[in-house]
Amino acid sequence: MVKLFKICLVLLVLIISSGCDRFDHHRPADNLTDKKNQAREDSLEEVKMLKKCDTFPTITYRNELIRNKEQLKSILEEHAETPENFVKNRAFCLLNRKARYFVRVGDTVVIPEKYDKNLCAYSIFPQYYHGAKNLPKLIVVSPHYQCYAAYENGVQVHFAACNTGKETTPTYPGRYGLVWRDLLHKSSLDSDWVMPFTWNFHQYAGCAFHQFTMPGYAASHSCIRQFREDAQWLYYWGKGAKVRNHTYIHLSGTPIIVIDIFNFARRHTGPWVALKSNKDIVLELPKDPMSVEDAVIPICQIPVGSRGGLPHRSTYIHGEETLRARGVIRPGVVLTETVNFNNKRRIEVKKKQKNELDEVKKLESVKKLNGEIQTAPQNSKPEHH
């Protein structure tokens, strides 16, 4: 009887083990099926939303080489910066990434067949970004194409031209977040730099969106320049970082991803001048924008006064080496050290004042030696007659 019981017990264990094995073998298959079903649903949703959001018709462009002053004058007059010509001027400046007064003889300009007041009609970003569907706000920047798009829950709500950082002080790819804003900001590095509608997006490097001169290529000190209308729109649309114990919480403001770099081999122009229509290209964006790596920034581009409190300091110390290895910084390019021009000017003023004072003292000493300065005798008494 005992032997029979042991045999039954062994058989029961084998049956249970076999059932568990079958269950475990089927679990990965079930998970795989779930993933495939989810991917299919996401794809269908993306197609549906793209169809819903991308309602703009095809707008063809004319790429015109300006050969003489008469042709230049005609183009500038057609896109004059006047109230009644507002839509034409905005579209022209957007498509050429520059203010009209920077257009010169010898330039190739983009002129659309139709002028749409909704500038998203000219966007090279997808009108719907499925990866951002759960994000209330997101900014995507392309230095390569000198433009950016703003999204609300994956739907593009704004498209704008921008001019990013020059080669020795570039706007580096990666993830950022809006930090603080200032309606009329004077740079802490140079008070001569007055920047309306400023949105800081890296509190240590001082990178910011703001209104400034728009020459039509990457020309800034790592900031993202905009036209006034775009800077003003972004100023009121964006959301700054949260604060805890008087400190900004890292990446808690409106997220920003910079997806590429400017082609500095072309210097003063870019691929946007070759576009033939608003449907020529649609940029491919990261599947998950929040998984994009924090931007890597070399320590030489952090002001000396801000280096003491750097979090993850080693990342900045090795930043240039990392960026060169990735090909972000071209061989032979020497990065510009960030200089505090306000401090430099203060030092120069003090030095000048000291030199002037030394000159005055030196002149007085010479006069004394030559007897030109008469000093009254001390403790002198009046004579009595």
Protein backbone atom coordinates (compact mmCIF):
# COMPACT_ATOMS: atom_id res chain seq x y z
CA MET A 1 0.00 0.00 0.00
CA VAL A 2 2.80 2.36 0.93
CA LYS A 3 4.58 1.50 -2.32
CA LEU A 4 1.42 2.23 -4.32
CA PHE A 5 1.05 5.58 -2.54
CA LYS A 6 4.65 6.54 -3.43
CA ILE A 7 4.06 5.64 -7.10
CA CYS A 8 0.90 7.79 -7.19
CA LEU A 9 2.73 10.67 -5.56
CA VAL A 10 5.54 10.53 -8.16
CA LEU A 11 3.00 10.45 -11.01
CA LEU A 12 1.19 13.46 -9.51
CA VAL A 13 4.43 15.46 -9.31
CA LEU A 14 5.26 14.57 -12.93
CA ILE A 15 1.80 15.65 -14.11
CA ILE A 16 2.05 18.99 -12.24
CA SER A 17 5.58 19.59 -13.58
CA SER A 18 4.45 18.81 -17.11
CA GLY A 19 1.56 21.25 -16.76
CA CYS A 20 3.89 23.97 -15.49
CA ASP A 21 6.26 23.35 -18.39
CA ARG A 22 3.44 23.67 -20.88
CA PHE A 23 2.29 26.88 -19.18
CA ASP A 24 5.80 28.36 -19.23
CA HIS A 25 6.33 27.43 -22.87
CA HIS A 26 3.11 29.17 -23.86
CA ARG A 27 3.70 32.39 -21.85
CA PRO A 28 6.37 33.90 -24.16
CA ALA A 29 4.18 33.13 -27.15
CA ASP A 30 1.24 34.87 -25.46
CA ASN A 31 3.43 37.88 -24.66
CA LEU A 32 4.66 38.00 -28.24
CA THR A 33 1.10 37.90 -29.50
CA ASP A 34 0.13 40.72 -27.15
CA LYS A 35 3.03 42.83 -28.40
CA LYS A 36 2.11 42.19 -32.02
CA ASN A 37 -1.50 43.11 -31.35
CA GLN A 38 -0.43 46.29 -29.54
CA ALA A 39 1.93 47.23 -32.37
CA ARG A 40 -0.87 46.68 -34.90
CA GLU A 41 -3.26 48.85 -32.87
CA ASP A 42 -0.61 51.58 -32.51
CA SER A 43 0.06 51.52 -36.25
CA LEU A 44 -3.64 51.80 -37.07
CA GLU A 45 -4.04 54.64 -34.57
CA GLU A 46 -1.04 56.46 -36.02
CA VAL A 47 -2.38 56.18 -39.59
CA LYS A 48 -5.80 57.39 -38.42
CA MET A 49 -4.35 60.38 -36.54
CA LEU A 50 -2.01 61.33 -39.40
CA LYS A 51 -4.94 61.36 -41.79
CA LYS A 52 -6.91 63.48 -39.34
CA CYS A 53 -4.10 65.98 -38.65
CA ASP A 54 -2.40 66.28 -42.05
CA THR A 55 -5.12 68.09 -43.98
CA PHE A 56 -2.83 70.52 -45.80
CA PRO A 57 -2.76 70.35 -49.61
CA THR A 58 0.48 70.05 -51.56
CA ILE A 59 2.15 73.45 -51.98
CA THR A 60 4.87 73.57 -54.62
CA TYR A 61 7.92 75.81 -54.27
CA ARG A 62 9.93 77.83 -56.76
CA ASN A 63 13.68 77.89 -56.11
CA GLU A 64 14.89 81.18 -57.53
CA LEU A 65 18.51 82.28 -57.91
CA ILE A 66 18.77 86.05 -57.44
CA ARG A 67 21.02 87.24 -60.26
CA ASN A 68 20.80 91.05 -60.00
CA LYS A 69 19.59 93.98 -57.91
CA GLU A 70 16.39 94.44 -59.91
CA GLN A 71 15.35 90.83 -59.26
CA LEU A 72 16.26 91.21 -55.59
CA LYS A 73 14.20 94.39 -55.28
CA SER A 74 11.18 92.73 -56.89
CA ILE A 75 11.30 89.73 -54.53
CA LEU A 76 11.73 91.90 -51.42
CA GLU A 77 8.86 94.16 -52.43
CA GLU A 78 6.61 91.16 -53.01
CA HIS A 79 7.36 89.98 -49.47
CA ALA A 80 7.54 93.39 -47.80
CA GLU A 81 7.21 93.51 -44.02
CA THR A 82 3.91 95.40 -43.89
CA PRO A 83 0.63 94.69 -42.03
CA GLU A 84 -1.26 93.94 -45.25
CA ASN A 85 1.55 91.63 -46.38
CA PHE A 86 1.96 89.83 -43.06
CA VAL A 87 1.15 86.29 -44.26
CA LYS A 88 3.43 86.50 -47.32
CA ASN A 89 6.33 87.90 -45.31
CA ARG A 90 6.02 85.28 -42.58
CA ALA A 91 5.91 82.35 -45.03
CA PHE A 92 8.85 83.70 -47.06
CA CYS A 93 11.04 84.24 -43.99
CA LEU A 94 10.11 80.82 -42.60
CA LEU A 95 10.91 78.93 -45.80
CA ASN A 96 14.26 80.73 -46.16
CA ARG A 97 15.08 80.63 -42.43
CA LYS A 98 16.15 84.30 -42.54
CA ALA A 99 14.91 87.85 -42.22
CA ARG A 100 14.28 89.41 -45.64
CA TYR A 101 16.98 92.09 -45.12
CA PHE A 102 19.57 89.27 -45.16
CA VAL A 103 18.58 88.21 -48.69
CA ARG A 104 21.36 89.12 -51.14
CA VAL A 105 22.18 88.93 -54.85
CA GLY A 106 23.59 85.43 -55.45
CA ASP A 107 21.23 83.76 -52.94
CA THR A 108 18.78 81.03 -53.91
CA VAL A 109 15.42 81.66 -52.27
CA VAL A 110 12.35 79.47 -51.80
CA ILE A 111 9.05 81.00 -52.93
CA PRO A 112 5.78 79.08 -52.42
CA GLU A 113 2.96 79.01 -54.95
CA LYS A 114 0.50 79.55 -52.11
CA TYR A 115 0.74 81.51 -48.87
CA ASP A 116 -0.99 79.83 -45.93
CA LYS A 117 -1.49 81.72 -42.67
CA ASN A 118 -1.12 78.42 -40.79
CA LEU A 119 2.64 77.90 -41.05
CA CYS A 120 2.27 74.22 -40.09
CA ALA A 121 1.33 73.80 -43.76
CA TYR A 122 5.05 74.18 -44.59
CA SER A 123 6.31 71.87 -41.83
CA ILE A 124 8.88 69.16 -42.50
CA PHE A 125 7.94 67.47 -39.20
CA PRO A 126 5.10 64.93 -39.05
CA GLN A 127 1.78 66.60 -38.35
CA TYR A 128 1.14 63.84 -35.82
CA TYR A 129 3.90 62.35 -33.64
CA HIS A 130 2.64 59.08 -32.20
CA GLY A 131 5.55 58.77 -29.76
CA ALA A 132 4.47 62.03 -28.10
CA LYS A 133 0.77 61.21 -27.78
CA ASN A 134 0.96 61.12 -23.97
CA LEU A 135 3.00 64.33 -23.64
CA PRO A 136 0.98 67.52 -23.05
CA LYS A 137 3.76 69.59 -24.66
CA LEU A 138 6.95 68.78 -26.60
CA ILE A 139 9.42 70.77 -28.71
CA VAL A 140 11.45 69.08 -31.47
CA VAL A 141 14.39 70.99 -33.00
CA SER A 142 16.31 70.23 -36.20
CA PRO A 143 19.50 72.31 -36.50
CA HIS A 144 20.15 70.53 -39.82
CA TYR A 145 17.02 72.12 -41.25
CA GLN A 146 17.09 75.19 -38.94
CA CYS A 147 13.54 74.82 -37.68
CA TYR A 148 11.45 73.41 -34.85
CA ALA A 149 7.95 72.07 -34.18
CA ALA A 150 5.80 72.18 -31.06
CA TYR A 151 3.43 69.34 -30.21
CA GLU A 152 0.46 68.90 -27.88
CA ASN A 153 -0.31 65.23 -27.20
CA GLY A 154 1.39 64.33 -30.47
CA VAL A 155 -0.45 66.90 -32.62
CA GLN A 156 1.75 69.60 -34.22
CA VAL A 157 0.51 73.04 -33.18
CA HIS A 158 3.39 75.28 -34.29
CA PHE A 159 6.16 75.25 -36.89
CA ALA A 160 8.93 77.86 -36.91
CA ALA A 161 12.29 78.79 -38.36
CA CYS A 162 15.26 79.07 -36.02
CA ASN A 163 18.98 79.82 -36.20
CA THR A 164 21.04 77.61 -33.87
CA GLY A 165 24.64 77.68 -32.59
CA LYS A 166 27.66 78.25 -34.84
CA GLU A 167 30.28 75.53 -35.22
CA THR A 168 32.54 76.64 -32.36
CA THR A 169 29.54 77.04 -30.01
CA PRO A 170 26.94 74.65 -31.45
CA THR A 171 23.51 73.61 -30.22
CA TYR A 172 24.20 70.01 -29.26
CA PRO A 173 21.79 67.13 -29.97
CA GLY A 174 19.97 65.45 -27.10
CA ARG A 175 17.24 66.06 -24.58
CA TYR A 176 16.65 69.33 -22.71
CA GLY A 177 13.76 70.95 -20.85
CA LEU A 178 12.50 74.51 -20.47
CA VAL A 179 13.75 75.98 -17.18
CA TRP A 180 12.88 79.67 -16.68
CA ARG A 181 11.69 82.57 -18.81
CA ASP A 182 12.27 86.33 -18.96
CA LEU A 183 10.29 88.79 -21.06
CA LEU A 184 13.32 90.98 -21.80
CA HIS A 185 16.50 89.25 -20.73
CA LYS A 186 19.96 90.79 -20.61
CA SER A 187 22.64 88.16 -20.84
CA SER A 188 24.55 87.48 -17.63
CA LEU A 189 27.63 87.05 -19.85
CA ASP A 190 27.19 90.23 -21.86
CA SER A 191 24.61 92.87 -20.92
CA ASP A 192 24.82 94.20 -24.48
CA TRP A 193 22.96 91.06 -25.57
CA VAL A 194 19.28 91.95 -25.07
CA MET A 195 17.01 88.98 -25.78
CA PRO A 196 13.22 89.41 -25.82
CA PHE A 197 10.99 86.46 -24.94
CA THR A 198 13.76 84.31 -23.47
CA TRP A 199 13.16 80.67 -22.48
CA ASN A 200 16.24 79.14 -20.87
CA PHE A 201 16.59 75.39 -21.53
CA HIS A 202 19.96 74.62 -19.90
CA GLN A 203 20.59 76.51 -16.69
CA TYR A 204 24.34 75.83 -16.58
CA ALA A 205 25.27 76.39 -20.24
CA GLY A 206 22.83 79.30 -20.55
CA CYS A 207 21.21 77.92 -23.74
CA ALA A 208 17.90 79.61 -24.53
CA PHE A 209 15.19 80.21 -27.08
CA HIS A 210 14.79 83.94 -27.75
CA GLN A 211 14.21 86.58 -30.39
CA PHE A 212 17.37 87.76 -32.14
CA THR A 213 18.88 88.49 -35.55
CA MET A 214 18.05 85.75 -38.10
CA PRO A 215 20.74 85.58 -40.83
CA GLY A 216 19.51 82.22 -42.15
CA TYR A 217 22.14 79.81 -40.81
CA ALA A 218 23.63 78.53 -37.55
CA ALA A 219 25.16 81.67 -36.04
CA SER A 220 24.43 81.86 -32.31
CA HIS A 221 26.36 81.18 -29.11
CA SER A 222 24.51 77.81 -28.71
CA CYS A 223 21.11 79.53 -28.27
CA ILE A 224 18.12 79.01 -30.56
CA ARG A 225 17.20 82.30 -32.23
CA GLN A 226 13.69 82.96 -33.51
CA PHE A 227 11.58 85.58 -35.23
CA ARG A 228 9.66 87.80 -32.85
CA GLU A 229 6.24 86.23 -33.53
CA ASP A 230 7.56 82.72 -32.84
CA ALA A 231 9.51 83.77 -29.75
CA GLN A 232 6.42 85.48 -28.35
CA TRP A 233 4.23 82.45 -29.08
CA LEU A 234 6.67 80.06 -27.40
CA TYR A 235 7.11 82.38 -24.41
CA TYR A 236 3.43 82.06 -23.47
CA TRP A 237 2.99 78.44 -24.60
CA GLY A 238 5.89 76.72 -22.83
CA LYS A 239 5.98 75.52 -19.24
CA GLY A 240 9.01 76.02 -17.00
CA ALA A 241 10.73 73.65 -14.61
CA LYS A 242 9.33 72.77 -11.22
CA VAL A 243 11.18 74.07 -8.16
CA ARG A 244 12.07 72.13 -5.02
CA ASN A 245 14.01 73.72 -2.16
CA HIS A 246 14.79 76.76 -4.35
CA THR A 247 16.33 74.47 -6.99
CA TYR A 248 15.03 73.70 -10.48
CA ILE A 249 14.14 70.03 -10.93
CA HIS A 250 16.10 68.65 -13.87
CA LEU A 251 14.06 68.16 -17.07
CA SER A 252 10.74 68.93 -15.36
CA GLY A 253 9.76 71.72 -17.77
CA THR A 254 8.41 71.30 -21.30
CA PRO A 255 10.65 68.62 -22.87
CA ILE A 256 12.86 69.49 -25.85
CA ILE A 257 14.71 67.10 -28.14
CA VAL A 258 17.36 68.31 -30.57
CA ILE A 259 17.48 65.55 -33.18
CA ASP A 260 20.49 66.37 -35.38
CA ILE A 261 23.28 68.88 -36.13
CA PHE A 262 23.78 71.62 -38.69
CA ASN A 263 25.92 70.85 -41.74
CA PHE A 264 28.71 73.35 -41.13
CA ALA A 265 30.38 72.42 -44.42
CA ARG A 266 27.68 74.50 -46.12
CA ARG A 267 28.13 77.39 -43.66
CA HIS A 268 25.55 79.93 -44.85
CA THR A 269 22.81 77.76 -46.34
CA GLY A 270 21.15 74.39 -45.96
CA PRO A 271 18.95 71.69 -47.51
CA TRP A 272 15.73 73.70 -47.11
CA VAL A 273 16.60 75.78 -50.20
CA ALA A 274 16.36 72.63 -52.36
CA LEU A 275 12.84 71.65 -51.28
CA LYS A 276 10.31 71.56 -54.13
CA SER A 277 7.15 71.31 -52.04
CA ASN A 278 5.78 71.04 -48.53
CA LYS A 279 5.46 67.28 -49.03
CA ASP A 280 9.07 66.63 -50.11
CA ILE A 281 10.21 65.25 -46.78
CA VAL A 282 8.86 64.30 -43.37
CA LEU A 283 11.54 63.96 -40.71
CA GLU A 284 11.70 60.66 -38.85
CA LEU A 285 11.51 61.26 -35.10
CA PRO A 286 12.63 59.05 -32.18
CA LYS A 287 10.07 56.39 -31.29
CA ASP A 288 10.12 57.50 -27.65
CA PRO A 289 11.20 61.15 -27.20
CA MET A 290 11.55 60.76 -23.43
CA SER A 291 14.17 58.05 -23.86
CA VAL A 292 16.49 60.42 -25.77
CA GLU A 293 19.80 60.86 -23.94
CA ASP A 294 20.46 64.11 -22.06
CA ALA A 295 22.46 66.51 -24.22
CA VAL A 296 26.22 66.16 -23.79
CA ILE A 297 27.90 69.57 -23.39
CA PRO A 298 31.66 70.20 -23.05
CA ILE A 299 32.75 71.94 -19.88
CA CYS A 300 34.50 74.67 -21.89
CA GLN A 301 31.04 75.93 -22.84
CA ILE A 302 29.91 76.25 -19.23
CA PRO A 303 30.73 79.69 -17.74
CA VAL A 304 33.47 79.41 -15.12
CA GLY A 305 31.15 80.81 -12.45
CA SER A 306 28.63 77.99 -13.06
CA ARG A 307 31.04 75.05 -13.03
CA GLY A 308 31.18 74.62 -9.26
CA GLY A 309 27.66 73.24 -8.89
CA LEU A 310 27.57 71.04 -11.98
CA PRO A 311 25.73 67.74 -11.42
CA HIS A 312 27.48 64.74 -13.04
CA ARG A 313 30.54 66.93 -13.58
CA SER A 314 32.54 64.14 -15.26
CA THR A 315 30.01 64.11 -18.13
CA TYR A 316 30.92 67.74 -18.89
CA ILE A 317 34.65 67.16 -18.39
CA HIS A 318 34.64 64.34 -20.96
CA GLY A 319 31.93 65.97 -23.09
CA GLU A 320 34.16 67.23 -25.89
CA GLU A 321 35.91 63.86 -26.18
CA THR A 322 32.54 62.10 -26.36
CA LEU A 323 31.15 64.47 -29.00
CA ARG A 324 34.26 64.17 -31.17
CA ALA A 325 34.05 60.37 -31.01
CA ARG A 326 30.43 60.57 -32.17
CA GLY A 327 31.28 62.90 -35.03
CA VAL A 328 29.22 65.78 -33.64
CA ILE A 329 32.35 67.98 -33.57
CA ARG A 330 34.33 67.86 -36.80
CA PRO A 331 38.10 67.15 -36.76
CA GLY A 332 40.17 70.31 -36.47
CA VAL A 333 37.36 72.44 -35.03
CA VAL A 334 38.39 74.35 -31.89
CA LEU A 335 35.49 75.10 -29.56
CA THR A 336 35.16 78.62 -28.20
CA GLU A 337 35.56 78.94 -24.44
CA THR A 338 32.57 80.67 -22.88
CA VAL A 339 33.68 84.11 -21.67
CA ASN A 340 31.91 86.36 -19.18
CA PHE A 341 32.24 89.63 -21.05
CA ASN A 342 30.58 91.57 -18.22
CA ASN A 343 33.35 90.48 -15.80
CA LYS A 344 35.96 91.10 -18.47
CA ARG A 345 34.69 94.65 -18.95
CA ARG A 346 34.60 95.28 -15.20
CA ILE A 347 38.21 94.10 -14.89
CA GLU A 348 39.24 96.31 -17.83
CA VAL A 349 37.47 99.35 -16.31
CA LYS A 350 39.20 98.81 -12.96
CA LYS A 351 42.53 98.37 -14.72
CA LYS A 352 41.98 101.59 -16.69
CA GLN A 353 41.01 103.51 -13.55
CA LYS A 354 44.10 102.21 -11.75
CA ASN A 355 46.32 103.22 -14.68
CA GLU A 356 44.78 106.70 -14.75
CA LEU A 357 45.31 107.08 -11.00
CA ASP A 358 48.92 105.90 -11.33
CA GLU A 359 49.46 108.47 -14.09
CA VAL A 360 48.08 111.27 -11.88
CA LYS A 361 50.33 110.23 -8.99
CA LYS A 362 53.33 110.00 -11.30
CA LEU A 363 52.63 113.50 -12.70
CA GLU A 364 52.32 114.95 -9.18
CA SER A 365 55.64 113.37 -8.18
CA VAL A 366 57.35 114.91 -11.21
CA LYS A 367 55.90 118.34 -10.43
CA LYS A 368 57.10 118.13 -6.84
CA LEU A 369 60.60 117.25 -8.00
CA ASN A 370 60.60 120.23 -10.34
CA GLY A 371 59.38 122.57 -7.60
CA GLU A 372 56.16 123.25 -9.45
CA ILE A 373 54.01 122.37 -6.45
CA GLN A 374 54.49 124.70 -3.49
CA THR A 375 53.57 123.18 -0.17
CA ALA A 376 52.72 125.44 2.76
CA PRO A 377 55.19 125.16 5.68
CA GLN A 378 53.76 123.31 8.61
CA ASN A 379 53.46 124.90 12.12
CA SER A 380 54.38 128.29 10.69
CA LYS A 381 53.78 131.39 12.88
CA PRO A 382 52.96 134.90 11.67
CA GLU A 383 55.80 137.38 11.86
CA HIS A 384 55.55 140.25 14.42
CA HIS A 385 56.85 143.63 13.54
